[in-house]
Amino acid sequence: MSAAKRAVQLVPSILSADFGCLERELAAAAAAGADRFQVDIMDGHFVPNISMGPMFVAATRRFTTLPIETHLMVSRPEQWVTSCAQAGANVIIVHAEATVHLHSLLASIRKAGAQPAVALNPDSPLALIEEALDQVALVLLMTVEPGFGGQAFISSVLPKIARLRQVLDARGLVCDIEVDGGIEPSTIAEARAAGANIFVAGSAVFGHPQGATAGVNTLRAALG
């Protein structure tokens, strides 16, 4: 299904939220029209930073009925699947670079009751995931190096988004393309034009000067 026919979704990343008032932050974003929330889990190995864990998935689930996606930026994603699914993750995203058994890993996500998804770093080729495209609900193409919020959008990923959309359409696969990193009003429009339909934003939502509601509204307006 072409990008034009895929539902456009905005996904605030709670990595940029104020954890001291997480319930209020999530409620504001949801009221403004956020479609789901993302919880980033980092282990200090696959990426240099450390953040969150399944307990944050559970905390997010307590405060919202929206779907939750968990982005595993970890060296051994196999060890995190069950706990994240049990904590309330609806979608679990794993990096192709973090496993040598991608097929089995995606199957384990389905068995745990979540939708499987796969992510690629900015410089990783699509060849790493082409044989798995019929097994995933979405592909996340990172538009920054994973591990830190607030980075600048890497525009060289745009042609990769377009190539992936062409591959999915040619194969008739129902699969979303998500982008994450440096998403703001100017870059969200570029990513949309390239073929992405799901957009993760952290600081552009929760770091907006007028709050999360204004952040979501501004991104929606940029999409037209």
C-alpha atoms as a PDB file:
ATOM      1  CA  MET A   1       0.000   0.000   0.000  1.00  0.00           C
ATOM      2  CA  SER A   2       1.523   3.326  -1.058  1.00  0.00           C
ATOM      3  CA  ALA A   3       2.498   6.003   1.432  1.00  0.00           C
ATOM      4  CA  ALA A   4      -0.405   8.177   0.312  1.00  0.00           C
ATOM      5  CA  LYS A   5      -2.850   5.456   1.393  1.00  0.00           C
ATOM      6  CA  ARG A   6      -1.166   4.594   4.693  1.00  0.00           C
ATOM      7  CA  ALA A   7      -2.490   6.332   7.798  1.00  0.00           C
ATOM      8  CA  VAL A   8      -0.249   9.137   9.022  1.00  0.00           C
ATOM      9  CA  GLN A   9       0.600   8.781  12.710  1.00  0.00           C
ATOM     10  CA  LEU A  10       2.447  10.915  15.242  1.00  0.00           C
ATOM     11  CA  VAL A  11       4.308   9.109  18.003  1.00  0.00           C
ATOM     12  CA  PRO A  12       5.640  11.214  20.895  1.00  0.00           C
ATOM     13  CA  SER A  13       8.711   9.692  22.531  1.00  0.00           C
ATOM     14  CA  ILE A  14       8.513   9.817  26.302  1.00  0.00           C
ATOM     15  CA  LEU A  15      12.318  10.058  26.434  1.00  0.00           C
ATOM     16  CA  SER A  16      11.790  13.828  26.216  1.00  0.00           C
ATOM     17  CA  ALA A  17       8.857  13.997  28.622  1.00  0.00           C
ATOM     18  CA  ASP A  18       8.994  15.315  32.175  1.00  0.00           C
ATOM     19  CA  PHE A  19       8.895  12.106  34.197  1.00  0.00           C
ATOM     20  CA  GLY A  20       7.830  14.081  37.255  1.00  0.00           C
ATOM     21  CA  CYS A  21       4.454  14.707  35.624  1.00  0.00           C
ATOM     22  CA  LEU A  22       4.319  11.903  33.090  1.00  0.00           C
ATOM     23  CA  GLU A  23       0.562  11.388  33.378  1.00  0.00           C
ATOM     24  CA  ARG A  24      -0.095  15.046  32.551  1.00  0.00           C
ATOM     25  CA  GLU A  25       2.390  15.014  29.665  1.00  0.00           C
ATOM     26  CA  LEU A  26       0.841  11.911  28.117  1.00  0.00           C
ATOM     27  CA  ALA A  27      -2.681  13.238  28.564  1.00  0.00           C
ATOM     28  CA  ALA A  28      -1.833  16.507  26.833  1.00  0.00           C
ATOM     29  CA  ALA A  29      -0.239  14.768  23.862  1.00  0.00           C
ATOM     30  CA  ALA A  30      -3.098  12.295  23.577  1.00  0.00           C
ATOM     31  CA  ALA A  31      -5.728  15.042  23.726  1.00  0.00           C
ATOM     32  CA  ALA A  32      -3.936  16.859  20.901  1.00  0.00           C
ATOM     33  CA  GLY A  33      -4.130  13.781  18.686  1.00  0.00           C
ATOM     34  CA  ALA A  34      -1.050  11.665  19.315  1.00  0.00           C
ATOM     35  CA  ASP A  35      -1.616   8.195  17.871  1.00  0.00           C
ATOM     36  CA  ARG A  36       0.680   6.179  20.141  1.00  0.00           C
ATOM     37  CA  PHE A  37       3.671   6.616  22.426  1.00  0.00           C
ATOM     38  CA  GLN A  38       7.219   5.333  22.149  1.00  0.00           C
ATOM     39  CA  VAL A  39       9.338   4.057  25.028  1.00  0.00           C
ATOM     40  CA  ASP A  40      13.062   3.916  24.254  1.00  0.00           C
ATOM     41  CA  ILE A  41      15.087   1.283  26.068  1.00  0.00           C
ATOM     42  CA  MET A  42      18.882   1.643  25.935  1.00  0.00           C
ATOM     43  CA  ASP A  43      21.392  -0.654  27.613  1.00  0.00           C
ATOM     44  CA  GLY A  44      24.686   1.233  27.447  1.00  0.00           C
ATOM     45  CA  HIS A  45      26.095  -1.399  25.053  1.00  0.00           C
ATOM     46  CA  PHE A  46      24.296  -1.194  21.724  1.00  0.00           C
ATOM     47  CA  VAL A  47      24.194   2.551  22.313  1.00  0.00           C
ATOM     48  CA  PRO A  48      26.343   4.446  24.836  1.00  0.00           C
ATOM     49  CA  ASN A  49      23.405   5.834  26.779  1.00  0.00           C
ATOM     50  CA  ILE A  50      21.255   4.045  29.362  1.00  0.00           C
ATOM     51  CA  SER A  51      17.549   4.765  29.692  1.00  0.00           C
ATOM     52  CA  MET A  52      14.328   3.328  30.979  1.00  0.00           C
ATOM     53  CA  GLY A  53      13.276  -0.301  31.028  1.00  0.00           C
ATOM     54  CA  PRO A  54      10.071  -2.351  31.077  1.00  0.00           C
ATOM     55  CA  MET A  55       8.930  -0.453  34.174  1.00  0.00           C
ATOM     56  CA  PHE A  56       8.566   2.666  32.017  1.00  0.00           C
ATOM     57  CA  VAL A  57       6.452   0.695  29.567  1.00  0.00           C
ATOM     58  CA  ALA A  58       4.245  -0.316  32.507  1.00  0.00           C
ATOM     59  CA  ALA A  59       4.100   3.274  33.792  1.00  0.00           C
ATOM     60  CA  THR A  60       3.110   4.552  30.364  1.00  0.00           C
ATOM     61  CA  ARG A  61       0.449   1.869  30.114  1.00  0.00           C
ATOM     62  CA  ARG A  62      -1.056   2.968  33.434  1.00  0.00           C
ATOM     63  CA  PHE A  63      -1.496   6.500  32.134  1.00  0.00           C
ATOM     64  CA  THR A  64      -2.801   5.910  28.602  1.00  0.00           C
ATOM     65  CA  THR A  65      -5.001   3.644  26.553  1.00  0.00           C
ATOM     66  CA  LEU A  66      -3.147   4.506  23.342  1.00  0.00           C
ATOM     67  CA  PRO A  67      -0.882   1.894  21.773  1.00  0.00           C
ATOM     68  CA  ILE A  68       2.702   1.788  23.039  1.00  0.00           C
ATOM     69  CA  GLU A  69       5.705   0.906  20.959  1.00  0.00           C
ATOM     70  CA  THR A  70       8.959  -0.093  22.615  1.00  0.00           C
ATOM     71  CA  HIS A  71      12.173   0.679  20.735  1.00  0.00           C
ATOM     72  CA  LEU A  72      14.874  -1.721  21.924  1.00  0.00           C
ATOM     73  CA  MET A  73      18.300  -0.156  21.468  1.00  0.00           C
ATOM     74  CA  VAL A  74      20.000  -3.060  23.199  1.00  0.00           C
ATOM     75  CA  SER A  75      22.651  -5.655  22.416  1.00  0.00           C
ATOM     76  CA  ARG A  76      20.551  -8.690  23.321  1.00  0.00           C
ATOM     77  CA  PRO A  77      16.982  -7.824  22.363  1.00  0.00           C
ATOM     78  CA  GLU A  78      15.897 -11.440  22.855  1.00  0.00           C
ATOM     79  CA  GLN A  79      16.159 -10.926  26.607  1.00  0.00           C
ATOM     80  CA  TRP A  80      13.757  -7.967  26.627  1.00  0.00           C
ATOM     81  CA  VAL A  81      10.850  -9.126  24.470  1.00  0.00           C
ATOM     82  CA  THR A  82       8.755 -10.981  27.039  1.00  0.00           C
ATOM     83  CA  SER A  83       9.099  -8.378  29.801  1.00  0.00           C
ATOM     84  CA  CYS A  84       8.195  -5.518  27.472  1.00  0.00           C
ATOM     85  CA  ALA A  85       5.176  -7.338  26.094  1.00  0.00           C
ATOM     86  CA  GLN A  86       3.990  -8.208  29.586  1.00  0.00           C
ATOM     87  CA  ALA A  87       4.438  -4.569  30.626  1.00  0.00           C
ATOM     88  CA  GLY A  88       2.019  -3.468  27.923  1.00  0.00           C
ATOM     89  CA  ALA A  89       3.955  -2.883  24.699  1.00  0.00           C
ATOM     90  CA  ASN A  90       1.778  -3.317  21.609  1.00  0.00           C
ATOM     91  CA  VAL A  91       4.671  -2.999  19.158  1.00  0.00           C
ATOM     92  CA  ILE A  92       8.267  -4.071  19.827  1.00  0.00           C
ATOM     93  CA  ILE A  93      10.973  -2.655  17.570  1.00  0.00           C
ATOM     94  CA  VAL A  94      14.333  -4.435  17.360  1.00  0.00           C
ATOM     95  CA  HIS A  95      17.480  -3.417  15.505  1.00  0.00           C
ATOM     96  CA  ALA A  96      18.608  -5.676  12.692  1.00  0.00           C
ATOM     97  CA  GLU A  97      22.186  -4.784  13.641  1.00  0.00           C
ATOM     98  CA  ALA A  98      21.694  -6.228  17.152  1.00  0.00           C
ATOM     99  CA  THR A  99      20.892  -9.823  16.226  1.00  0.00           C
ATOM    100  CA  VAL A 100      22.067 -12.596  13.927  1.00  0.00           C
ATOM    101  CA  HIS A 101      18.733 -14.401  14.231  1.00  0.00           C
ATOM    102  CA  LEU A 102      16.246 -11.783  13.087  1.00  0.00           C
ATOM    103  CA  HIS A 103      13.611 -14.260  11.884  1.00  0.00           C
ATOM    104  CA  SER A 104      13.488 -16.052  15.250  1.00  0.00           C
ATOM    105  CA  LEU A 105      13.493 -12.750  17.132  1.00  0.00           C
ATOM    106  CA  LEU A 106      10.509 -11.429  15.189  1.00  0.00           C
ATOM    107  CA  ALA A 107       8.690 -14.713  15.756  1.00  0.00           C
ATOM    108  CA  SER A 108       9.311 -14.425  19.502  1.00  0.00           C
ATOM    109  CA  ILE A 109       7.720 -10.967  19.497  1.00  0.00           C
ATOM    110  CA  ARG A 110       4.604 -12.335  17.828  1.00  0.00           C
ATOM    111  CA  LYS A 111       4.514 -15.219  20.306  1.00  0.00           C
ATOM    112  CA  ALA A 112       4.692 -12.709  23.173  1.00  0.00           C
ATOM    113  CA  GLY A 113       1.572 -11.015  21.832  1.00  0.00           C
ATOM    114  CA  ALA A 114       3.070  -7.862  20.304  1.00  0.00           C
ATOM    115  CA  GLN A 115       3.503  -6.682  16.728  1.00  0.00           C
ATOM    116  CA  PRO A 116       7.065  -7.163  15.456  1.00  0.00           C
ATOM    117  CA  ALA A 117       8.975  -4.277  13.905  1.00  0.00           C
ATOM    118  CA  VAL A 118      12.563  -3.791  12.772  1.00  0.00           C
ATOM    119  CA  ALA A 119      14.843  -0.744  12.879  1.00  0.00           C
ATOM    120  CA  LEU A 120      17.913   0.303  10.904  1.00  0.00           C
ATOM    121  CA  ASN A 121      20.602   2.820  11.820  1.00  0.00           C
ATOM    122  CA  PRO A 122      21.193   5.676   9.359  1.00  0.00           C
ATOM    123  CA  ASP A 123      24.121   4.028   7.565  1.00  0.00           C
ATOM    124  CA  SER A 124      22.773   0.462   7.602  1.00  0.00           C
ATOM    125  CA  PRO A 125      21.639  -0.841   4.210  1.00  0.00           C
ATOM    126  CA  LEU A 126      18.136  -2.019   3.425  1.00  0.00           C
ATOM    127  CA  ALA A 127      19.660  -5.368   2.428  1.00  0.00           C
ATOM    128  CA  LEU A 128      19.822  -6.244   6.140  1.00  0.00           C
ATOM    129  CA  ILE A 129      16.029  -6.441   6.350  1.00  0.00           C
ATOM    130  CA  GLU A 130      14.725  -7.129   2.859  1.00  0.00           C
ATOM    131  CA  GLU A 131      14.141 -10.819   3.567  1.00  0.00           C
ATOM    132  CA  ALA A 132      12.168  -9.950   6.703  1.00  0.00           C
ATOM    133  CA  LEU A 133       9.832  -7.311   5.305  1.00  0.00           C
ATOM    134  CA  ASP A 134       6.915  -9.730   5.105  1.00  0.00           C
ATOM    135  CA  GLN A 135       7.292 -10.476   8.817  1.00  0.00           C
ATOM    136  CA  VAL A 136       6.998  -6.965  10.266  1.00  0.00           C
ATOM    137  CA  ALA A 137       4.266  -4.429  10.892  1.00  0.00           C
ATOM    138  CA  LEU A 138       6.611  -1.507  10.388  1.00  0.00           C
ATOM    139  CA  VAL A 139      10.169  -0.568   9.563  1.00  0.00           C
ATOM    140  CA  LEU A 140      11.804   2.182  11.601  1.00  0.00           C
ATOM    141  CA  LEU A 141      14.474   4.073   9.707  1.00  0.00           C
ATOM    142  CA  MET A 142      16.558   6.073  12.149  1.00  0.00           C
ATOM    143  CA  THR A 143      17.206   9.627  10.975  1.00  0.00           C
ATOM    144  CA  VAL A 144      19.774  10.207  13.728  1.00  0.00           C
ATOM    145  CA  GLU A 145      22.285   7.900  15.374  1.00  0.00           C
ATOM    146  CA  PRO A 146      20.369   5.990  18.059  1.00  0.00           C
ATOM    147  CA  GLY A 147      20.991   6.703  21.712  1.00  0.00           C
ATOM    148  CA  PHE A 148      20.476  10.427  22.286  1.00  0.00           C
ATOM    149  CA  GLY A 149      17.618  12.875  21.912  1.00  0.00           C
ATOM    150  CA  GLY A 150      17.919  16.297  20.347  1.00  0.00           C
ATOM    151  CA  GLN A 151      20.148  15.375  17.396  1.00  0.00           C
ATOM    152  CA  ALA A 152      19.913  16.962  13.954  1.00  0.00           C
ATOM    153  CA  PHE A 153      18.016  15.151  11.207  1.00  0.00           C
ATOM    154  CA  ILE A 154      20.284  13.203   8.824  1.00  0.00           C
ATOM    155  CA  SER A 155      18.885  14.116   5.417  1.00  0.00           C
ATOM    156  CA  SER A 156      20.891  11.436   3.596  1.00  0.00           C
ATOM    157  CA  VAL A 157      18.353   8.905   4.934  1.00  0.00           C
ATOM    158  CA  LEU A 158      15.617  10.408   2.750  1.00  0.00           C
ATOM    159  CA  PRO A 159      16.587   8.436  -0.387  1.00  0.00           C
ATOM    160  CA  LYS A 160      16.589   5.249   1.699  1.00  0.00           C
ATOM    161  CA  ILE A 161      13.023   6.003   2.816  1.00  0.00           C
ATOM    162  CA  ALA A 162      12.020   6.386  -0.822  1.00  0.00           C
ATOM    163  CA  ARG A 163      13.751   3.146  -1.832  1.00  0.00           C
ATOM    164  CA  LEU A 164      12.055   1.232   0.965  1.00  0.00           C
ATOM    165  CA  ARG A 165       8.647   2.602  -0.022  1.00  0.00           C
ATOM    166  CA  GLN A 166       9.277   1.449  -3.606  1.00  0.00           C
ATOM    167  CA  VAL A 167      10.224  -2.039  -2.429  1.00  0.00           C
ATOM    168  CA  LEU A 168       7.157  -2.351  -0.186  1.00  0.00           C
ATOM    169  CA  ASP A 169       4.803  -1.126  -2.914  1.00  0.00           C
ATOM    170  CA  ALA A 170       6.369  -3.405  -5.540  1.00  0.00           C
ATOM    171  CA  ARG A 171       5.902  -6.414  -3.268  1.00  0.00           C
ATOM    172  CA  GLY A 172       2.404  -5.398  -2.206  1.00  0.00           C
ATOM    173  CA  LEU A 173       3.333  -5.466   1.467  1.00  0.00           C
ATOM    174  CA  VAL A 174       1.194  -3.742   4.111  1.00  0.00           C
ATOM    175  CA  CYS A 175       3.989  -2.218   6.166  1.00  0.00           C
ATOM    176  CA  ASP A 176       4.420   1.205   7.713  1.00  0.00           C
ATOM    177  CA  ILE A 177       7.601   3.258   7.432  1.00  0.00           C
ATOM    178  CA  GLU A 178       8.459   5.070  10.629  1.00  0.00           C
ATOM    179  CA  VAL A 179      11.186   7.665  11.088  1.00  0.00           C
ATOM    180  CA  ASP A 180      12.774   8.714  14.348  1.00  0.00           C
ATOM    181  CA  GLY A 181      15.257  11.476  15.060  1.00  0.00           C
ATOM    182  CA  GLY A 182      15.365  15.196  14.443  1.00  0.00           C
ATOM    183  CA  ILE A 183      11.663  15.304  13.551  1.00  0.00           C
ATOM    184  CA  GLU A 184      10.344  18.872  13.542  1.00  0.00           C
ATOM    185  CA  PRO A 185       8.017  20.831  11.215  1.00  0.00           C
ATOM    186  CA  SER A 186      10.524  21.125   8.347  1.00  0.00           C
ATOM    187  CA  THR A 187      11.911  17.601   8.489  1.00  0.00           C
ATOM    188  CA  ILE A 188       8.575  15.858   9.022  1.00  0.00           C
ATOM    189  CA  ALA A 189       7.378  17.229   5.694  1.00  0.00           C
ATOM    190  CA  GLU A 190      10.520  15.985   3.953  1.00  0.00           C
ATOM    191  CA  ALA A 191      10.203  12.523   5.456  1.00  0.00           C
ATOM    192  CA  ARG A 192       6.534  12.368   4.509  1.00  0.00           C
ATOM    193  CA  ALA A 193       7.332  13.326   0.922  1.00  0.00           C
ATOM    194  CA  ALA A 194       9.954  10.577   0.773  1.00  0.00           C
ATOM    195  CA  GLY A 195       7.414   7.927   1.775  1.00  0.00           C
ATOM    196  CA  ALA A 196       7.300   7.687   5.568  1.00  0.00           C
ATOM    197  CA  ASN A 197       3.917   7.685   7.296  1.00  0.00           C
ATOM    198  CA  ILE A 198       4.735   7.343  11.019  1.00  0.00           C
ATOM    199  CA  PHE A 199       6.784  10.003  12.785  1.00  0.00           C
ATOM    200  CA  VAL A 200       8.431   9.795  16.195  1.00  0.00           C
ATOM    201  CA  ALA A 201       9.095  13.114  17.898  1.00  0.00           C
ATOM    202  CA  GLY A 202      10.445  13.778  21.359  1.00  0.00           C
ATOM    203  CA  SER A 203      11.700  17.298  21.927  1.00  0.00           C
ATOM    204  CA  ALA A 204       9.411  18.721  19.201  1.00  0.00           C
ATOM    205  CA  VAL A 205       6.452  17.570  21.315  1.00  0.00           C
ATOM    206  CA  PHE A 206       7.447  17.556  24.974  1.00  0.00           C
ATOM    207  CA  GLY A 207      10.054  20.279  24.572  1.00  0.00           C
ATOM    208  CA  HIS A 208       7.791  22.694  22.742  1.00  0.00           C
ATOM    209  CA  PRO A 209       7.741  26.106  24.479  1.00  0.00           C
ATOM    210  CA  GLN A 210       3.936  26.026  24.680  1.00  0.00           C
ATOM    211  CA  GLY A 211       3.730  22.411  25.806  1.00  0.00           C
ATOM    212  CA  ALA A 212       2.931  19.005  24.326  1.00  0.00           C
ATOM    213  CA  THR A 213      -0.437  20.044  22.923  1.00  0.00           C
ATOM    214  CA  ALA A 214       1.144  22.796  20.849  1.00  0.00           C
ATOM    215  CA  GLY A 215       3.959  20.448  19.838  1.00  0.00           C
ATOM    216  CA  VAL A 216       1.574  17.872  18.391  1.00  0.00           C
ATOM    217  CA  ASN A 217      -0.541  20.542  16.707  1.00  0.00           C
ATOM    218  CA  THR A 218       2.508  22.132  15.069  1.00  0.00           C
ATOM    219  CA  LEU A 219       3.668  18.833  13.620  1.00  0.00           C
ATOM    220  CA  ARG A 220       0.186  18.030  12.353  1.00  0.00           C
ATOM    221  CA  ALA A 221       0.002  21.402  10.642  1.00  0.00           C
ATOM    222  CA  ALA A 222       3.374  20.785   8.969  1.00  0.00           C
ATOM    223  CA  LEU A 223       1.988  17.601   7.423  1.00  0.00           C
ATOM    224  CA  GLY A 224      -0.782  19.612   5.744  1.00  0.00           C
END
